[in-house]
Amino acid sequence: MKTKTTLTINTELAAILDTMGIALIEIRACEDLQTCHALASVFHNVPAGIRIGIPSEKILEGIFAEAKRWEVERFIKNQYALSLSKFTHSNED
């Protein structure tokens, strides 16, 4: 008997997925192989982490740690902040 699992997308996870999407676009467009490799390494464990239910805070910690190791931490943190703002903006306009 199969059980159905429902995934809840919280704000942090939505921002992680958005940041990963931007990174995939950057990978497709980049000309520097080291940058491509760094971005791929930063995000390659994210889908598995989501699938097995790792909390978004822990996934984000792993992303930032790997980004620091590959020296792309500033890019990743800036992109994550932009992505997060997409999902936390005020509708008070």
PDB file of N, CA and C in Angstrom:
ATOM      1  N   MET A   1       0.830  -1.180   0.000  1.00  0.00           N
ATOM      2  CA  MET A   1       0.000   0.000   0.000  1.00  0.00           C
ATOM      3  C   MET A   1       0.877   1.247   0.000  1.00  0.00           C
ATOM      4  N   LYS A   2       0.692   2.107  -0.967  1.00  0.00           N
ATOM      5  CA  LYS A   2       1.457   3.341  -1.058  1.00  0.00           C
ATOM      6  C   LYS A   2       0.821   4.412  -0.188  1.00  0.00           C
ATOM      7  N   THR A   3       1.699   5.198   0.423  1.00  0.00           N
ATOM      8  CA  THR A   3       1.210   6.349   1.169  1.00  0.00           C
ATOM      9  C   THR A   3       1.594   7.597   0.416  1.00  0.00           C
ATOM     10  N   LYS A   4       0.759   8.579   0.499  1.00  0.00           N
ATOM     11  CA  LYS A   4       1.007   9.836  -0.197  1.00  0.00           C
ATOM     12  C   LYS A   4       1.605  10.832   0.786  1.00  0.00           C
ATOM     13  N   THR A   5       2.698  11.453   0.385  1.00  0.00           N
ATOM     14  CA  THR A   5       3.342  12.458   1.194  1.00  0.00           C
ATOM     15  C   THR A   5       3.057  13.827   0.589  1.00  0.00           C
ATOM     16  N   THR A   6       2.671  14.747   1.452  1.00  0.00           N
ATOM     17  CA  THR A   6       2.405  16.103   1.003  1.00  0.00           C
ATOM     18  C   THR A   6       3.581  16.986   1.388  1.00  0.00           C
ATOM     19  N   LEU A   7       4.090  17.716   0.438  1.00  0.00           N
ATOM     20  CA  LEU A   7       5.199  18.634   0.676  1.00  0.00           C
ATOM     21  C   LEU A   7       4.644  20.013   0.963  1.00  0.00           C
ATOM     22  N   THR A   8       5.054  20.574   2.082  1.00  0.00           N
ATOM     23  CA  THR A   8       4.673  21.937   2.413  1.00  0.00           C
ATOM     24  C   THR A   8       5.814  22.854   2.012  1.00  0.00           C
ATOM     25  N   ILE A   9       5.506  23.821   1.186  1.00  0.00           N
ATOM     26  CA  ILE A   9       6.524  24.774   0.739  1.00  0.00           C
ATOM     27  C   ILE A   9       6.429  26.020   1.630  1.00  0.00           C
ATOM     28  N   ASN A  10       7.399  26.169   2.534  1.00  0.00           N
ATOM     29  CA  ASN A  10       7.421  27.375   3.355  1.00  0.00           C
ATOM     30  C   ASN A  10       8.205  28.463   2.623  1.00  0.00           C
ATOM     31  N   THR A  11       8.239  29.630   3.198  1.00  0.00           N
ATOM     32  CA  THR A  11       8.901  30.768   2.556  1.00  0.00           C
ATOM     33  C   THR A  11      10.370  30.478   2.275  1.00  0.00           C
ATOM     34  N   GLU A  12      11.057  29.887   3.249  1.00  0.00           N
ATOM     35  CA  GLU A  12      12.485  29.599   3.072  1.00  0.00           C
ATOM     36  C   GLU A  12      12.709  28.583   1.955  1.00  0.00           C
ATOM     37  N   LEU A  13      11.885  27.546   1.917  1.00  0.00           N
ATOM     38  CA  LEU A  13      12.042  26.540   0.869  1.00  0.00           C
ATOM     39  C   LEU A  13      11.726  27.124  -0.503  1.00  0.00           C
ATOM     40  N   ALA A  14      10.717  27.975  -0.574  1.00  0.00           N
ATOM     41  CA  ALA A  14      10.399  28.632  -1.846  1.00  0.00           C
ATOM     42  C   ALA A  14      11.588  29.462  -2.318  1.00  0.00           C
ATOM     43  N   ALA A  15      12.227  30.168  -1.392  1.00  0.00           N
ATOM     44  CA  ALA A  15      13.388  30.986  -1.751  1.00  0.00           C
ATOM     45  C   ALA A  15      14.576  30.115  -2.151  1.00  0.00           C
ATOM     46  N   ILE A  16      14.764  28.980  -1.484  1.00  0.00           N
ATOM     47  CA  ILE A  16      15.833  28.045  -1.856  1.00  0.00           C
ATOM     48  C   ILE A  16      15.611  27.541  -3.277  1.00  0.00           C
ATOM     49  N   LEU A  17      14.393  27.134  -3.581  1.00  0.00           N
ATOM     50  CA  LEU A  17      14.088  26.630  -4.926  1.00  0.00           C
ATOM     51  C   LEU A  17      14.263  27.714  -5.976  1.00  0.00           C
ATOM     52  N   ASP A  18      13.869  28.934  -5.650  1.00  0.00           N
ATOM     53  CA  ASP A  18      14.036  30.046  -6.582  1.00  0.00           C
ATOM     54  C   ASP A  18      15.524  30.318  -6.815  1.00  0.00           C
ATOM     55  N   THR A  19      16.306  30.315  -5.743  1.00  0.00           N
ATOM     56  CA  THR A  19      17.756  30.528  -5.859  1.00  0.00           C
ATOM     57  C   THR A  19      18.394  29.416  -6.683  1.00  0.00           C
ATOM     58  N   MET A  20      17.964  28.180  -6.461  1.00  0.00           N
ATOM     59  CA  MET A  20      18.497  27.068  -7.240  1.00  0.00           C
ATOM     60  C   MET A  20      18.136  27.229  -8.717  1.00  0.00           C
ATOM     61  N   GLY A  21      16.939  27.693  -8.997  1.00  0.00           N
ATOM     62  CA  GLY A  21      16.543  27.941 -10.384  1.00  0.00           C
ATOM     63  C   GLY A  21      17.432  28.971 -11.052  1.00  0.00           C
ATOM     64  N   ILE A  22      17.738  30.042 -10.331  1.00  0.00           N
ATOM     65  CA  ILE A  22      18.651  31.068 -10.872  1.00  0.00           C
ATOM     66  C   ILE A  22      20.032  30.467 -11.095  1.00  0.00           C
ATOM     67  N   ALA A  23      20.496  29.652 -10.144  1.00  0.00           N
ATOM     68  CA  ALA A  23      21.813  29.014 -10.298  1.00  0.00           C
ATOM     69  C   ALA A  23      21.841  28.110 -11.524  1.00  0.00           C
ATOM     70  N   LEU A  24      20.753  27.384 -11.783  1.00  0.00           N
ATOM     71  CA  LEU A  24      20.707  26.527 -12.971  1.00  0.00           C
ATOM     72  C   LEU A  24      20.782  27.349 -14.255  1.00  0.00           C
ATOM     73  N   ILE A  25      20.144  28.492 -14.261  1.00  0.00           N
ATOM     74  CA  ILE A  25      20.239  29.385 -15.421  1.00  0.00           C
ATOM     75  C   ILE A  25      21.675  29.877 -15.581  1.00  0.00           C
ATOM     76  N   GLU A  26      22.305  30.236 -14.463  1.00  0.00           N
ATOM     77  CA  GLU A  26      23.707  30.682 -14.503  1.00  0.00           C
ATOM     78  C   GLU A  26      24.616  29.564 -15.008  1.00  0.00           C
ATOM     79  N   ILE A  27      24.373  28.343 -14.567  1.00  0.00           N
ATOM     80  CA  ILE A  27      25.183  27.203 -15.023  1.00  0.00           C
ATOM     81  C   ILE A  27      25.046  27.035 -16.529  1.00  0.00           C
ATOM     82  N   ARG A  28      23.842  27.141 -17.013  1.00  0.00           N
ATOM     83  CA  ARG A  28      23.607  26.970 -18.452  1.00  0.00           C
ATOM     84  C   ARG A  28      24.299  28.061 -19.261  1.00  0.00           C
ATOM     85  N   ALA A  29      24.384  29.260 -18.698  1.00  0.00           N
ATOM     86  CA  ALA A  29      24.924  30.393 -19.449  1.00  0.00           C
ATOM     87  C   ALA A  29      26.402  30.676 -19.180  1.00  0.00           C
ATOM     88  N   CYS A  30      26.975  30.062 -18.162  1.00  0.00           N
ATOM     89  CA  CYS A  30      28.332  30.464 -17.781  1.00  0.00           C
ATOM     90  C   CYS A  30      29.387  29.924 -18.748  1.00  0.00           C
ATOM     91  N   GLU A  31      30.444  30.669 -18.817  1.00  0.00           N
ATOM     92  CA  GLU A  31      31.563  30.296 -19.680  1.00  0.00           C
ATOM     93  C   GLU A  31      32.751  29.789 -18.874  1.00  0.00           C
ATOM     94  N   ASP A  32      32.758  30.056 -17.580  1.00  0.00           N
ATOM     95  CA  ASP A  32      33.853  29.647 -16.713  1.00  0.00           C
ATOM     96  C   ASP A  32      33.503  28.304 -16.066  1.00  0.00           C
ATOM     97  N   LEU A  33      34.223  27.271 -16.429  1.00  0.00           N
ATOM     98  CA  LEU A  33      33.935  25.917 -15.961  1.00  0.00           C
ATOM     99  C   LEU A  33      33.986  25.815 -14.440  1.00  0.00           C
ATOM    100  N   GLN A  34      34.892  26.525 -13.805  1.00  0.00           N
ATOM    101  CA  GLN A  34      34.995  26.465 -12.339  1.00  0.00           C
ATOM    102  C   GLN A  34      33.742  27.042 -11.681  1.00  0.00           C
ATOM    103  N   THR A  35      33.201  28.121 -12.228  1.00  0.00           N
ATOM    104  CA  THR A  35      31.965  28.698 -11.697  1.00  0.00           C
ATOM    105  C   THR A  35      30.804  27.733 -11.877  1.00  0.00           C
ATOM    106  N   CYS A  36      30.717  27.132 -13.042  1.00  0.00           N
ATOM    107  CA  CYS A  36      29.665  26.137 -13.292  1.00  0.00           C
ATOM    108  C   CYS A  36      29.753  24.995 -12.286  1.00  0.00           C
ATOM    109  N   HIS A  37      30.959  24.497 -12.075  1.00  0.00           N
ATOM    110  CA  HIS A  37      31.173  23.392 -11.148  1.00  0.00           C
ATOM    111  C   HIS A  37      30.816  23.803  -9.720  1.00  0.00           C
ATOM    112  N   ALA A  38      31.201  25.004  -9.333  1.00  0.00           N
ATOM    113  CA  ALA A  38      30.900  25.501  -7.987  1.00  0.00           C
ATOM    114  C   ALA A  38      29.400  25.583  -7.757  1.00  0.00           C
ATOM    115  N   LEU A  39      28.670  26.172  -8.692  1.00  0.00           N
ATOM    116  CA  LEU A  39      27.220  26.314  -8.531  1.00  0.00           C
ATOM    117  C   LEU A  39      26.530  24.955  -8.509  1.00  0.00           C
ATOM    118  N   ALA A  40      26.976  24.041  -9.355  1.00  0.00           N
ATOM    119  CA  ALA A  40      26.404  22.697  -9.350  1.00  0.00           C
ATOM    120  C   ALA A  40      26.672  22.000  -8.018  1.00  0.00           C
ATOM    121  N   SER A  41      27.863  22.154  -7.495  1.00  0.00           N
ATOM    122  CA  SER A  41      28.213  21.532  -6.217  1.00  0.00           C
ATOM    123  C   SER A  41      27.409  22.104  -5.063  1.00  0.00           C
ATOM    124  N   VAL A  42      27.137  23.382  -5.111  1.00  0.00           N
ATOM    125  CA  VAL A  42      26.364  24.030  -4.050  1.00  0.00           C
ATOM    126  C   VAL A  42      24.949  23.457  -3.977  1.00  0.00           C
ATOM    127  N   PHE A  43      24.346  23.184  -5.118  1.00  0.00           N
ATOM    128  CA  PHE A  43      22.923  22.820  -5.142  1.00  0.00           C
ATOM    129  C   PHE A  43      22.621  21.349  -5.413  1.00  0.00           C
ATOM    130  N   HIS A  44      23.613  20.530  -5.674  1.00  0.00           N
ATOM    131  CA  HIS A  44      23.303  19.168  -6.115  1.00  0.00           C
ATOM    132  C   HIS A  44      22.593  18.309  -5.062  1.00  0.00           C
ATOM    133  N   ASN A  45      22.741  18.608  -3.787  1.00  0.00           N
ATOM    134  CA  ASN A  45      22.072  17.819  -2.743  1.00  0.00           C
ATOM    135  C   ASN A  45      20.699  18.358  -2.350  1.00  0.00           C
ATOM    136  N   VAL A  46      20.323  19.514  -2.864  1.00  0.00           N
ATOM    137  CA  VAL A  46      19.066  20.139  -2.463  1.00  0.00           C
ATOM    138  C   VAL A  46      17.842  19.264  -2.778  1.00  0.00           C
ATOM    139  N   PRO A  47      17.683  18.750  -3.991  1.00  0.00           N
ATOM    140  CA  PRO A  47      16.483  17.939  -4.255  1.00  0.00           C
ATOM    141  C   PRO A  47      16.355  16.720  -3.336  1.00  0.00           C
ATOM    142  N   ALA A  48      17.452  16.034  -3.075  1.00  0.00           N
ATOM    143  CA  ALA A  48      17.407  14.874  -2.175  1.00  0.00           C
ATOM    144  C   ALA A  48      17.048  15.299  -0.755  1.00  0.00           C
ATOM    145  N   GLY A  49      17.584  16.424  -0.320  1.00  0.00           N
ATOM    146  CA  GLY A  49      17.263  16.934   1.009  1.00  0.00           C
ATOM    147  C   GLY A  49      15.784  17.242   1.156  1.00  0.00           C
ATOM    148  N   ILE A  50      15.214  17.838   0.131  1.00  0.00           N
ATOM    149  CA  ILE A  50      13.778  18.136   0.147  1.00  0.00           C
ATOM    150  C   ILE A  50      12.991  16.827   0.168  1.00  0.00           C
ATOM    151  N   ARG A  51      13.398  15.884  -0.671  1.00  0.00           N
ATOM    152  CA  ARG A  51      12.673  14.617  -0.793  1.00  0.00           C
ATOM    153  C   ARG A  51      12.634  13.844   0.524  1.00  0.00           C
ATOM    154  N   ILE A  52      13.733  13.851   1.275  1.00  0.00           N
ATOM    155  CA  ILE A  52      13.760  13.086   2.523  1.00  0.00           C
ATOM    156  C   ILE A  52      13.306  13.897   3.729  1.00  0.00           C
ATOM    157  N   GLY A  53      12.919  15.144   3.502  1.00  0.00           N
ATOM    158  CA  GLY A  53      12.315  15.932   4.569  1.00  0.00           C
ATOM    159  C   GLY A  53      13.268  16.695   5.464  1.00  0.00           C
ATOM    160  N   ILE A  54      14.461  16.986   4.985  1.00  0.00           N
ATOM    161  CA  ILE A  54      15.377  17.812   5.777  1.00  0.00           C
ATOM    162  C   ILE A  54      14.764  19.207   5.895  1.00  0.00           C
ATOM    163  N   PRO A  55      14.756  19.783   7.093  1.00  0.00           N
ATOM    164  CA  PRO A  55      14.194  21.126   7.261  1.00  0.00           C
ATOM    165  C   PRO A  55      14.919  22.154   6.388  1.00  0.00           C
ATOM    166  N   SER A  56      14.168  23.117   5.909  1.00  0.00           N
ATOM    167  CA  SER A  56      14.737  24.117   4.999  1.00  0.00           C
ATOM    168  C   SER A  56      15.912  24.865   5.635  1.00  0.00           C
ATOM    169  N   GLU A  57      15.879  25.060   6.953  1.00  0.00           N
ATOM    170  CA  GLU A  57      16.989  25.754   7.622  1.00  0.00           C
ATOM    171  C   GLU A  57      18.287  24.961   7.488  1.00  0.00           C
ATOM    172  N   LYS A  58      18.187  23.634   7.608  1.00  0.00           N
ATOM    173  CA  LYS A  58      19.371  22.775   7.474  1.00  0.00           C
ATOM    174  C   LYS A  58      19.851  22.722   6.020  1.00  0.00           C
ATOM    175  N   ILE A  59      18.918  22.685   5.087  1.00  0.00           N
ATOM    176  CA  ILE A  59      19.288  22.717   3.670  1.00  0.00           C
ATOM    177  C   ILE A  59      20.036  24.005   3.372  1.00  0.00           C
ATOM    178  N   LEU A  60      19.521  25.119   3.886  1.00  0.00           N
ATOM    179  CA  LEU A  60      20.155  26.416   3.657  1.00  0.00           C
ATOM    180  C   LEU A  60      21.551  26.471   4.280  1.00  0.00           C
ATOM    181  N   GLU A  61      21.701  25.915   5.471  1.00  0.00           N
ATOM    182  CA  GLU A  61      23.027  25.852   6.098  1.00  0.00           C
ATOM    183  C   GLU A  61      24.011  25.104   5.203  1.00  0.00           C
ATOM    184  N   GLY A  62      23.564  23.987   4.637  1.00  0.00           N
ATOM    185  CA  GLY A  62      24.417  23.209   3.732  1.00  0.00           C
ATOM    186  C   GLY A  62      24.771  23.973   2.474  1.00  0.00           C
ATOM    187  N   ILE A  63      23.797  24.697   1.935  1.00  0.00           N
ATOM    188  CA  ILE A  63      24.043  25.515   0.738  1.00  0.00           C
ATOM    189  C   ILE A  63      25.108  26.560   1.039  1.00  0.00           C
ATOM    190  N   PHE A  64      24.937  27.277   2.143  1.00  0.00           N
ATOM    191  CA  PHE A  64      25.890  28.345   2.479  1.00  0.00           C
ATOM    192  C   PHE A  64      27.280  27.788   2.793  1.00  0.00           C
ATOM    193  N   ALA A  65      27.345  26.642   3.448  1.00  0.00           N
ATOM    194  CA  ALA A  65      28.647  26.025   3.753  1.00  0.00           C
ATOM    195  C   ALA A  65      29.364  25.622   2.468  1.00  0.00           C
ATOM    196  N   GLU A  66      28.623  25.016   1.556  1.00  0.00           N
ATOM    197  CA  GLU A  66      29.224  24.599   0.279  1.00  0.00           C
ATOM    198  C   GLU A  66      29.598  25.822  -0.564  1.00  0.00           C
ATOM    199  N   ALA A  67      28.779  26.849  -0.513  1.00  0.00           N
ATOM    200  CA  ALA A  67      29.083  28.084  -1.252  1.00  0.00           C
ATOM    201  C   ALA A  67      30.359  28.726  -0.724  1.00  0.00           C
ATOM    202  N   LYS A  68      30.541  28.706   0.584  1.00  0.00           N
ATOM    203  CA  LYS A  68      31.767  29.254   1.172  1.00  0.00           C
ATOM    204  C   LYS A  68      32.977  28.444   0.720  1.00  0.00           C
ATOM    205  N   ARG A  69      32.828  27.125   0.731  1.00  0.00           N
ATOM    206  CA  ARG A  69      33.933  26.242   0.312  1.00  0.00           C
ATOM    207  C   ARG A  69      34.346  26.510  -1.131  1.00  0.00           C
ATOM    208  N   TRP A  70      33.361  26.808  -1.999  1.00  0.00           N
ATOM    209  CA  TRP A  70      33.631  27.038  -3.411  1.00  0.00           C
ATOM    210  C   TRP A  70      33.845  28.515  -3.737  1.00  0.00           C
ATOM    211  N   GLU A  71      33.843  29.363  -2.706  1.00  0.00           N
ATOM    212  CA  GLU A  71      34.086  30.806  -2.860  1.00  0.00           C
ATOM    213  C   GLU A  71      33.039  31.503  -3.730  1.00  0.00           C
ATOM    214  N   VAL A  72      31.788  31.059  -3.596  1.00  0.00           N
ATOM    215  CA  VAL A  72      30.670  31.730  -4.272  1.00  0.00           C
ATOM    216  C   VAL A  72      29.611  32.153  -3.243  1.00  0.00           C
ATOM    217  N   GLU A  73      30.057  32.269  -1.993  1.00  0.00           N
ATOM    218  CA  GLU A  73      29.138  32.568  -0.897  1.00  0.00           C
ATOM    219  C   GLU A  73      28.425  33.911  -1.086  1.00  0.00           C
ATOM    220  N   ARG A  74      29.156  34.925  -1.507  1.00  0.00           N
ATOM    221  CA  ARG A  74      28.536  36.245  -1.684  1.00  0.00           C
ATOM    222  C   ARG A  74      27.429  36.193  -2.734  1.00  0.00           C
ATOM    223  N   PHE A  75      27.705  35.564  -3.873  1.00  0.00           N
ATOM    224  CA  PHE A  75      26.697  35.446  -4.922  1.00  0.00           C
ATOM    225  C   PHE A  75      25.466  34.702  -4.417  1.00  0.00           C
ATOM    226  N   ILE A  76      25.680  33.566  -3.751  1.00  0.00           N
ATOM    227  CA  ILE A  76      24.570  32.741  -3.277  1.00  0.00           C
ATOM    228  C   ILE A  76      23.765  33.486  -2.212  1.00  0.00           C
ATOM    229  N   LYS A  77      24.426  34.106  -1.253  1.00  0.00           N
ATOM    230  CA  LYS A  77      23.700  34.832  -0.201  1.00  0.00           C
ATOM    231  C   LYS A  77      22.926  36.010  -0.771  1.00  0.00           C
ATOM    232  N   ASN A  78      23.519  36.744  -1.710  1.00  0.00           N
ATOM    233  CA  ASN A  78      22.805  37.860  -2.339  1.00  0.00           C
ATOM    234  C   ASN A  78      21.596  37.365  -3.127  1.00  0.00           C
ATOM    235  N   GLN A  79      21.777  36.282  -3.877  1.00  0.00           N
ATOM    236  CA  GLN A  79      20.666  35.753  -4.665  1.00  0.00           C
ATOM    237  C   GLN A  79      19.570  35.207  -3.760  1.00  0.00           C
ATOM    238  N   TYR A  80      19.967  34.549  -2.664  1.00  0.00           N
ATOM    239  CA  TYR A  80      18.974  34.038  -1.726  1.00  0.00           C
ATOM    240  C   TYR A  80      18.172  35.194  -1.113  1.00  0.00           C
ATOM    241  N   ALA A  81      18.850  36.274  -0.752  1.00  0.00           N
ATOM    242  CA  ALA A  81      18.149  37.437  -0.184  1.00  0.00           C
ATOM    243  C   ALA A  81      17.144  38.003  -1.186  1.00  0.00           C
ATOM    244  N   LEU A  82      17.533  38.092  -2.458  1.00  0.00           N
ATOM    245  CA  LEU A  82      16.603  38.560  -3.491  1.00  0.00           C
ATOM    246  C   LEU A  82      15.433  37.598  -3.644  1.00  0.00           C
ATOM    247  N   SER A  83      15.716  36.308  -3.652  1.00  0.00           N
ATOM    248  CA  SER A  83      14.656  35.311  -3.776  1.00  0.00           C
ATOM    249  C   SER A  83      13.721  35.367  -2.577  1.00  0.00           C
ATOM    250  N   LEU A  84      14.278  35.479  -1.389  1.00  0.00           N
ATOM    251  CA  LEU A  84      13.466  35.546  -0.178  1.00  0.00           C
ATOM    252  C   LEU A  84      12.542  36.756  -0.212  1.00  0.00           C
ATOM    253  N   SER A  85      13.053  37.875  -0.725  1.00  0.00           N
ATOM    254  CA  SER A  85      12.230  39.084  -0.778  1.00  0.00           C
ATOM    255  C   SER A  85      11.028  38.917  -1.707  1.00  0.00           C
ATOM    256  N   LYS A  86      11.139  38.041  -2.704  1.00  0.00           N
ATOM    257  CA  LYS A  86      10.000  37.786  -3.600  1.00  0.00           C
ATOM    258  C   LYS A  86       8.828  37.172  -2.850  1.00  0.00           C
ATOM    259  N   PHE A  87       9.138  36.404  -1.804  1.00  0.00           N
ATOM    260  CA  PHE A  87       8.105  35.667  -1.085  1.00  0.00           C
ATOM    261  C   PHE A  87       7.715  36.301   0.242  1.00  0.00           C
ATOM    262  N   THR A  88       8.390  37.385   0.602  1.00  0.00           N
ATOM    263  CA  THR A  88       8.082  38.041   1.879  1.00  0.00           C
ATOM    264  C   THR A  88       7.690  39.500   1.704  1.00  0.00           C
ATOM    265  N   HIS A  89       7.538  39.944   0.465  1.00  0.00           N
ATOM    266  CA  HIS A  89       7.200  41.355   0.249  1.00  0.00           C
ATOM    267  C   HIS A  89       5.814  41.666   0.800  1.00  0.00           C
ATOM    268  N   SER A  90       5.608  42.917   1.122  1.00  0.00           N
ATOM    269  CA  SER A  90       4.333  43.356   1.682  1.00  0.00           C
ATOM    270  C   SER A  90       3.325  43.638   0.568  1.00  0.00           C
ATOM    271  N   ASN A  91       2.088  43.286   0.804  1.00  0.00           N
ATOM    272  CA  ASN A  91       1.017  43.566  -0.149  1.00  0.00           C
ATOM    273  C   ASN A  91       0.252  44.820   0.256  1.00  0.00           C
ATOM    274  N   GLU A  92       0.906  45.756   0.935  1.00  0.00           N
ATOM    275  CA  GLU A  92       0.245  46.947   1.450  1.00  0.00           C
ATOM    276  C   GLU A  92       0.259  48.109   0.472  1.00  0.00           C
ATOM    277  N   ASP A  93       0.618  47.902  -0.783  1.00  0.00           N
ATOM    278  CA  ASP A  93       0.696  48.995  -1.758  1.00  0.00           C
ATOM    279  C   ASP A  93      -0.625  49.616  -2.054  1.00  0.00           C
TER     280      ASP A  93
END
